[in-house]
Protein backbone atom coordinates (compact mmCIF):
# COMPACT_ATOMS: atom_id res chain seq x y z
CA UNK A 1 161.39 51.53 37.64
CA UNK A 2 164.84 50.05 37.14
CA UNK A 3 166.59 49.34 40.44
CA UNK A 4 170.40 48.93 40.24
CA UNK A 5 172.12 46.64 42.71
CA UNK A 6 174.55 48.63 44.81
CA UNK A 7 178.10 47.30 44.98
CA UNK A 8 180.96 48.50 47.15
CA UNK A 9 182.87 51.20 45.36
CA UNK A 10 180.16 51.63 42.67
CA UNK A 11 178.72 54.95 41.60
CA UNK A 12 174.97 55.12 42.19
CA UNK A 13 172.56 57.71 40.73
CA UNK A 14 170.09 59.28 43.14
CA UNK A 15 166.54 60.16 42.17
CA UNK A 16 167.39 63.81 42.15
CA UNK A 17 170.08 63.23 39.53
CA UNK A 18 173.04 63.44 41.89
CA UNK A 19 175.64 60.66 42.01
CA UNK A 20 176.45 58.82 45.22
CA UNK A 21 179.84 57.02 45.45
CA UNK A 22 180.09 54.23 48.05
CA UNK A 23 183.59 54.47 49.55
CA UNK A 24 183.30 51.61 52.06
CA UNK A 25 186.57 49.62 52.10
CA UNK A 26 186.42 45.89 51.60
CA UNK A 27 188.63 44.71 54.47
CA UNK A 28 187.91 40.97 54.19
CA UNK A 29 191.16 40.33 52.28
CA UNK A 30 193.18 42.28 54.82
CA UNK A 31 191.63 40.38 57.72
CA UNK A 32 192.29 37.09 55.96
CA UNK A 33 195.93 38.09 55.39
CA UNK A 34 196.37 39.07 59.02
CA UNK A 35 194.84 35.81 60.11
CA UNK A 36 197.25 33.84 57.89
CA UNK A 37 200.19 35.87 59.21
CA UNK A 38 199.09 35.17 62.75
CA UNK A 39 198.91 31.43 62.03
CA UNK A 40 202.43 31.43 60.54
CA UNK A 41 203.77 33.38 63.50
CA UNK A 42 202.24 30.87 65.88
CA UNK A 43 203.74 27.98 63.91
CA UNK A 44 207.17 29.64 63.95
CA UNK A 45 206.89 30.27 67.68
CA UNK A 46 205.92 26.65 68.26
CA UNK A 47 208.93 25.52 66.18
CA UNK A 48 211.24 27.82 68.13
CA UNK A 49 209.87 26.46 71.39
CA UNK A 50 210.57 22.90 70.21
CA UNK A 51 214.15 23.81 69.25
CA UNK A 52 214.79 25.54 72.56
CA UNK A 53 213.35 22.58 74.46
CA UNK A 54 215.52 20.11 72.52
CA UNK A 55 218.61 22.26 73.06
CA UNK A 56 217.86 22.45 76.76
CA UNK A 57 217.48 18.68 76.96
CA UNK A 58 220.77 18.19 75.10
CA UNK A 59 222.60 20.58 77.41
CA UNK A 60 221.12 18.83 80.42
CA UNK A 61 222.26 15.45 79.08
CA UNK A 62 225.74 16.80 78.37
CA UNK A 63 225.93 18.23 81.85
CA UNK A 64 224.87 14.89 83.31
CA UNK A 65 227.45 13.05 81.20
CA UNK A 66 230.20 15.46 82.26
CA UNK A 67 229.30 14.96 85.92
CA UNK A 68 229.29 11.16 85.51
CA UNK A 69 232.61 11.21 83.61
CA UNK A 70 234.15 13.32 86.35
CA UNK A 71 232.83 10.97 89.00
CA UNK A 72 234.16 7.92 87.13
CA UNK A 73 237.61 9.49 86.86
CA UNK A 74 237.69 10.30 90.57
CA UNK A 75 236.87 6.67 91.33
CA UNK A 76 239.56 5.46 88.93
CA UNK A 77 242.17 7.83 90.34
CA UNK A 78 241.36 6.61 93.84
CA UNK A 79 242.81 3.28 92.68
CA UNK A 80 246.00 5.07 91.65
CA UNK A 81 246.27 6.64 95.09
CA UNK A 82 246.00 3.18 96.69
CA UNK A 83 248.75 1.53 94.64
CA UNK A 84 251.22 4.36 94.11
CA UNK A 85 253.42 5.40 97.01
CA UNK A 86 253.60 9.11 96.30
CA UNK A 87 253.35 12.49 97.99
CA UNK A 88 250.37 14.79 97.46
CA UNK A 89 252.44 16.87 95.05
CA UNK A 90 253.47 13.81 93.03
CA UNK A 91 249.87 12.57 92.91
CA UNK A 92 248.65 15.95 91.69
CA UNK A 93 251.32 15.94 88.97
CA UNK A 94 250.33 12.41 87.97
CA UNK A 95 246.67 13.42 87.93
CA UNK A 96 247.43 16.36 85.64
CA UNK A 97 249.53 14.12 83.37
CA UNK A 98 246.71 11.59 83.03
CA UNK A 99 244.16 14.25 82.12
CA UNK A 100 246.60 15.77 79.61
CA UNK A 101 247.15 12.34 78.00
CA UNK A 102 243.39 11.88 77.60
CA UNK A 103 243.39 14.98 75.38
CA UNK A 104 246.29 13.73 73.25
CA UNK A 105 245.50 10.05 72.65
CA UNK A 106 242.19 8.27 71.93
CA UNK A 107 241.81 6.80 75.41
CA UNK A 108 239.54 7.98 78.20
CA UNK A 109 241.08 9.34 81.38
CA UNK A 110 239.52 6.43 83.28
CA UNK A 111 241.40 3.89 81.13
CA UNK A 112 244.67 5.78 81.48
CA UNK A 113 244.21 5.94 85.25
CA UNK A 114 243.80 2.15 85.18
CA UNK A 115 247.24 1.82 83.55
CA UNK A 116 248.77 4.04 86.22
CA UNK A 117 247.11 1.94 88.92
CA UNK A 118 248.56 -1.23 87.37
CA UNK A 119 251.98 0.44 87.26
CA UNK A 120 251.84 0.95 91.01
CA UNK A 121 250.88 -2.69 91.54
CA UNK A 122 253.75 -3.85 89.31
CA UNK A 123 256.31 -1.90 91.30
CA UNK A 124 257.09 0.81 88.76
CA UNK A 125 258.92 3.67 90.45
CA UNK A 126 256.76 6.68 91.26
CA UNK A 127 258.88 9.02 89.15
CA UNK A 128 258.58 6.63 86.17
CA UNK A 129 254.82 6.08 86.27
CA UNK A 130 253.87 8.93 83.91
CA UNK A 131 256.34 7.76 81.25
CA UNK A 132 255.35 4.13 81.75
CA UNK A 133 251.64 4.99 81.53
CA UNK A 134 252.07 6.99 78.32
CA UNK A 135 254.12 4.22 76.68
CA UNK A 136 251.58 1.53 77.54
CA UNK A 137 248.67 3.73 76.46
CA UNK A 138 250.37 4.30 73.09
CA UNK A 139 250.95 0.55 72.72
CA UNK A 140 247.29 -0.08 73.44
CA UNK A 141 246.37 2.26 70.59
CA UNK A 142 249.08 1.27 68.06
CA UNK A 143 249.24 -2.52 68.53
CA UNK A 144 246.94 -5.51 68.98
CA UNK A 145 247.68 -5.56 72.72
CA UNK A 146 245.49 -3.90 75.29
CA UNK A 147 247.11 -1.26 77.46
CA UNK A 148 246.69 -3.47 80.54
CA UNK A 149 248.28 -6.44 78.79
CA UNK A 150 251.21 -4.33 77.62
CA UNK A 151 251.67 -2.83 81.08
CA UNK A 152 251.71 -6.20 82.86
CA UNK A 153 253.99 -8.05 80.47
CA UNK A 154 256.46 -5.30 79.62
CA UNK A 155 256.87 -4.28 83.26
CA UNK A 156 257.77 -7.86 84.12
CA UNK A 157 260.02 -8.19 81.08
CA UNK A 158 261.84 -4.99 82.07
CA UNK A 159 262.28 -6.29 85.62
CA UNK A 160 263.69 -9.63 84.43
CA UNK A 161 266.17 -8.08 82.00
CA UNK A 162 267.12 -5.18 84.26
CA UNK A 163 266.31 -2.76 81.47
CA UNK A 164 264.92 -0.04 83.72
CA UNK A 165 267.90 -0.18 86.01
CA UNK A 166 270.12 0.61 83.03
CA UNK A 167 268.03 3.22 81.22
CA UNK A 168 265.52 4.43 83.82
CA UNK A 169 262.07 5.43 82.62
CA UNK A 170 263.37 5.65 79.05
CA UNK A 171 263.79 1.87 79.14
CA UNK A 172 260.02 1.43 78.84
CA UNK A 173 259.92 3.66 75.77
CA UNK A 174 262.82 1.74 74.18
CA UNK A 175 261.12 -1.56 74.89
CA UNK A 176 257.81 -0.38 73.44
CA UNK A 177 259.48 1.04 70.33
CA UNK A 178 261.34 -2.23 69.73
CA UNK A 179 258.14 -4.27 70.00
CA UNK A 180 256.31 -2.00 67.53
CA UNK A 181 259.23 -2.02 65.06
CA UNK A 182 259.47 -5.83 65.10
CA UNK A 183 255.71 -6.17 64.73
CA UNK A 184 255.81 -3.91 61.67
CA UNK A 185 258.66 -5.78 59.99
CA UNK A 186 257.93 -9.44 60.73
CA UNK A 187 254.98 -11.67 59.91
CA UNK A 188 253.84 -11.70 63.50
CA UNK A 189 251.95 -9.56 65.98
CA UNK A 190 253.16 -7.53 68.92
CA UNK A 191 251.29 -9.69 71.41
CA UNK A 192 252.94 -12.85 70.01
CA UNK A 193 256.37 -11.23 70.26
CA UNK A 194 255.81 -10.21 73.86
CA UNK A 195 254.37 -13.62 74.80
CA UNK A 196 257.41 -15.38 73.36
CA UNK A 197 259.79 -12.88 74.96
CA UNK A 198 258.32 -13.59 78.38
CA UNK A 199 259.12 -17.30 77.85
CA UNK A 200 262.70 -16.52 76.85
CA UNK A 201 263.48 -13.70 79.24
CA UNK A 202 264.82 -15.57 82.27
CA UNK A 203 266.99 -18.07 80.38
CA UNK A 204 268.15 -15.43 77.93
CA UNK A 205 269.14 -12.98 80.68
CA UNK A 206 271.07 -15.70 82.52
CA UNK A 207 272.89 -16.47 79.29
CA UNK A 208 273.82 -12.81 78.90
CA UNK A 209 271.47 -12.03 76.01
CA UNK A 210 270.19 -8.44 75.90
CA UNK A 211 266.51 -7.55 75.89
CA UNK A 212 266.74 -6.47 72.24
CA UNK A 213 268.19 -9.87 71.31
CA UNK A 214 265.46 -11.63 73.28
CA UNK A 215 262.82 -9.66 71.37
CA UNK A 216 264.55 -10.47 68.07
CA UNK A 217 264.57 -14.20 68.86
CA UNK A 218 260.89 -13.97 69.82
CA UNK A 219 259.95 -12.17 66.61
CA UNK A 220 261.87 -14.63 64.42
CA UNK A 221 260.33 -17.67 66.10
CA UNK A 222 256.76 -16.41 66.19
CA UNK A 223 256.94 -15.21 62.58
CA UNK A 224 257.40 -18.81 61.38
CA UNK A 225 254.44 -20.05 63.37
CA UNK A 226 256.17 -21.35 66.52
CA UNK A 227 253.88 -20.91 69.50
CA UNK A 228 255.08 -19.31 72.71
CA UNK A 229 254.10 -22.37 74.78
CA UNK A 230 256.09 -24.88 72.75
CA UNK A 231 258.82 -22.77 71.17
CA UNK A 232 259.45 -20.67 74.24
CA UNK A 233 259.88 -23.70 76.49
CA UNK A 234 262.17 -25.48 74.01
CA UNK A 235 264.33 -22.41 73.40
CA UNK A 236 264.58 -21.71 77.13
CA UNK A 237 265.82 -25.29 77.71
CA UNK A 238 268.33 -24.87 74.90
CA UNK A 239 269.62 -21.60 76.36
CA UNK A 240 269.89 -23.17 79.80
CA UNK A 241 271.86 -26.12 78.40
CA UNK A 242 274.20 -23.73 76.60
CA UNK A 243 274.76 -21.82 79.82
CA UNK A 244 275.50 -25.03 81.73
CA UNK A 245 277.89 -26.22 79.01
CA UNK A 246 279.76 -22.92 79.06
CA UNK A 247 280.06 -22.96 82.86
CA UNK A 248 281.24 -26.57 82.84
CA UNK A 249 283.76 -25.71 80.16
CA UNK A 250 285.08 -22.87 82.25
CA UNK A 251 285.35 -25.08 85.30
CA UNK A 252 287.09 -27.81 83.27
CA UNK A 253 289.57 -25.30 81.89
CA UNK A 254 290.36 -24.08 85.36
CA UNK A 255 290.91 -27.66 86.60
CA UNK A 256 293.17 -28.49 83.68
CA UNK A 257 295.30 -25.39 84.12
CA UNK A 258 298.68 -26.49 85.47
CA UNK A 259 299.78 -25.02 88.72
CA UNK A 260 303.39 -23.96 88.74
CA UNK A 261 305.32 -24.32 91.93
CA UNK A 262 305.95 -21.14 93.78
């Protein structure tokens, strides 16, 4: 007797001549597909968990950095409070100005606060500190001088020449603009111009030379390679001798003036 092997979904003939159809569903493929889908879902979930964890770590780090930056600024501004003789209202205004500057120029608020602290130490008037700080911060960005170097030297230069007394806070801006313009148009650097100007300032002011003329002399001398140490000392001696000669000439003229009888 021939025995046929039964397969799922096959038609089978019974001994009585009837036909039996096996309708059992082969679900192995479906189960395999569901298993694969489950594996992919788990992998995606694991990836999402990794992303969320990394994002959480980044946010935590940013929060820690923000807290540290805020703490650093408070410490820096405490130095401003120590050196600047100002009311609470003036200090709050200065604080707001410093934070606003940090959003406008590529310097951190801590660095800008350091300039303001130096301004207080150098005797800059309280009402001029914001303008002074902004000018020196700009010089620190636009020239080869650091903001602290610019603050120290230009504050002293302004005091020697009396520039601030004549122009107020705008005097610092005028001085900074002149230094940048000369640095751009002569074969010298801004720091060399300021160094030479500091050597010439006292003698030049006594001789009646303006701060712009002192800067021009400094730029011309440094652009031909004369160092501030040698050239500044020599030029200062020359200016002093000119001043003495002029004064002696005036005194000699007065002595030689005939006195008419009354």
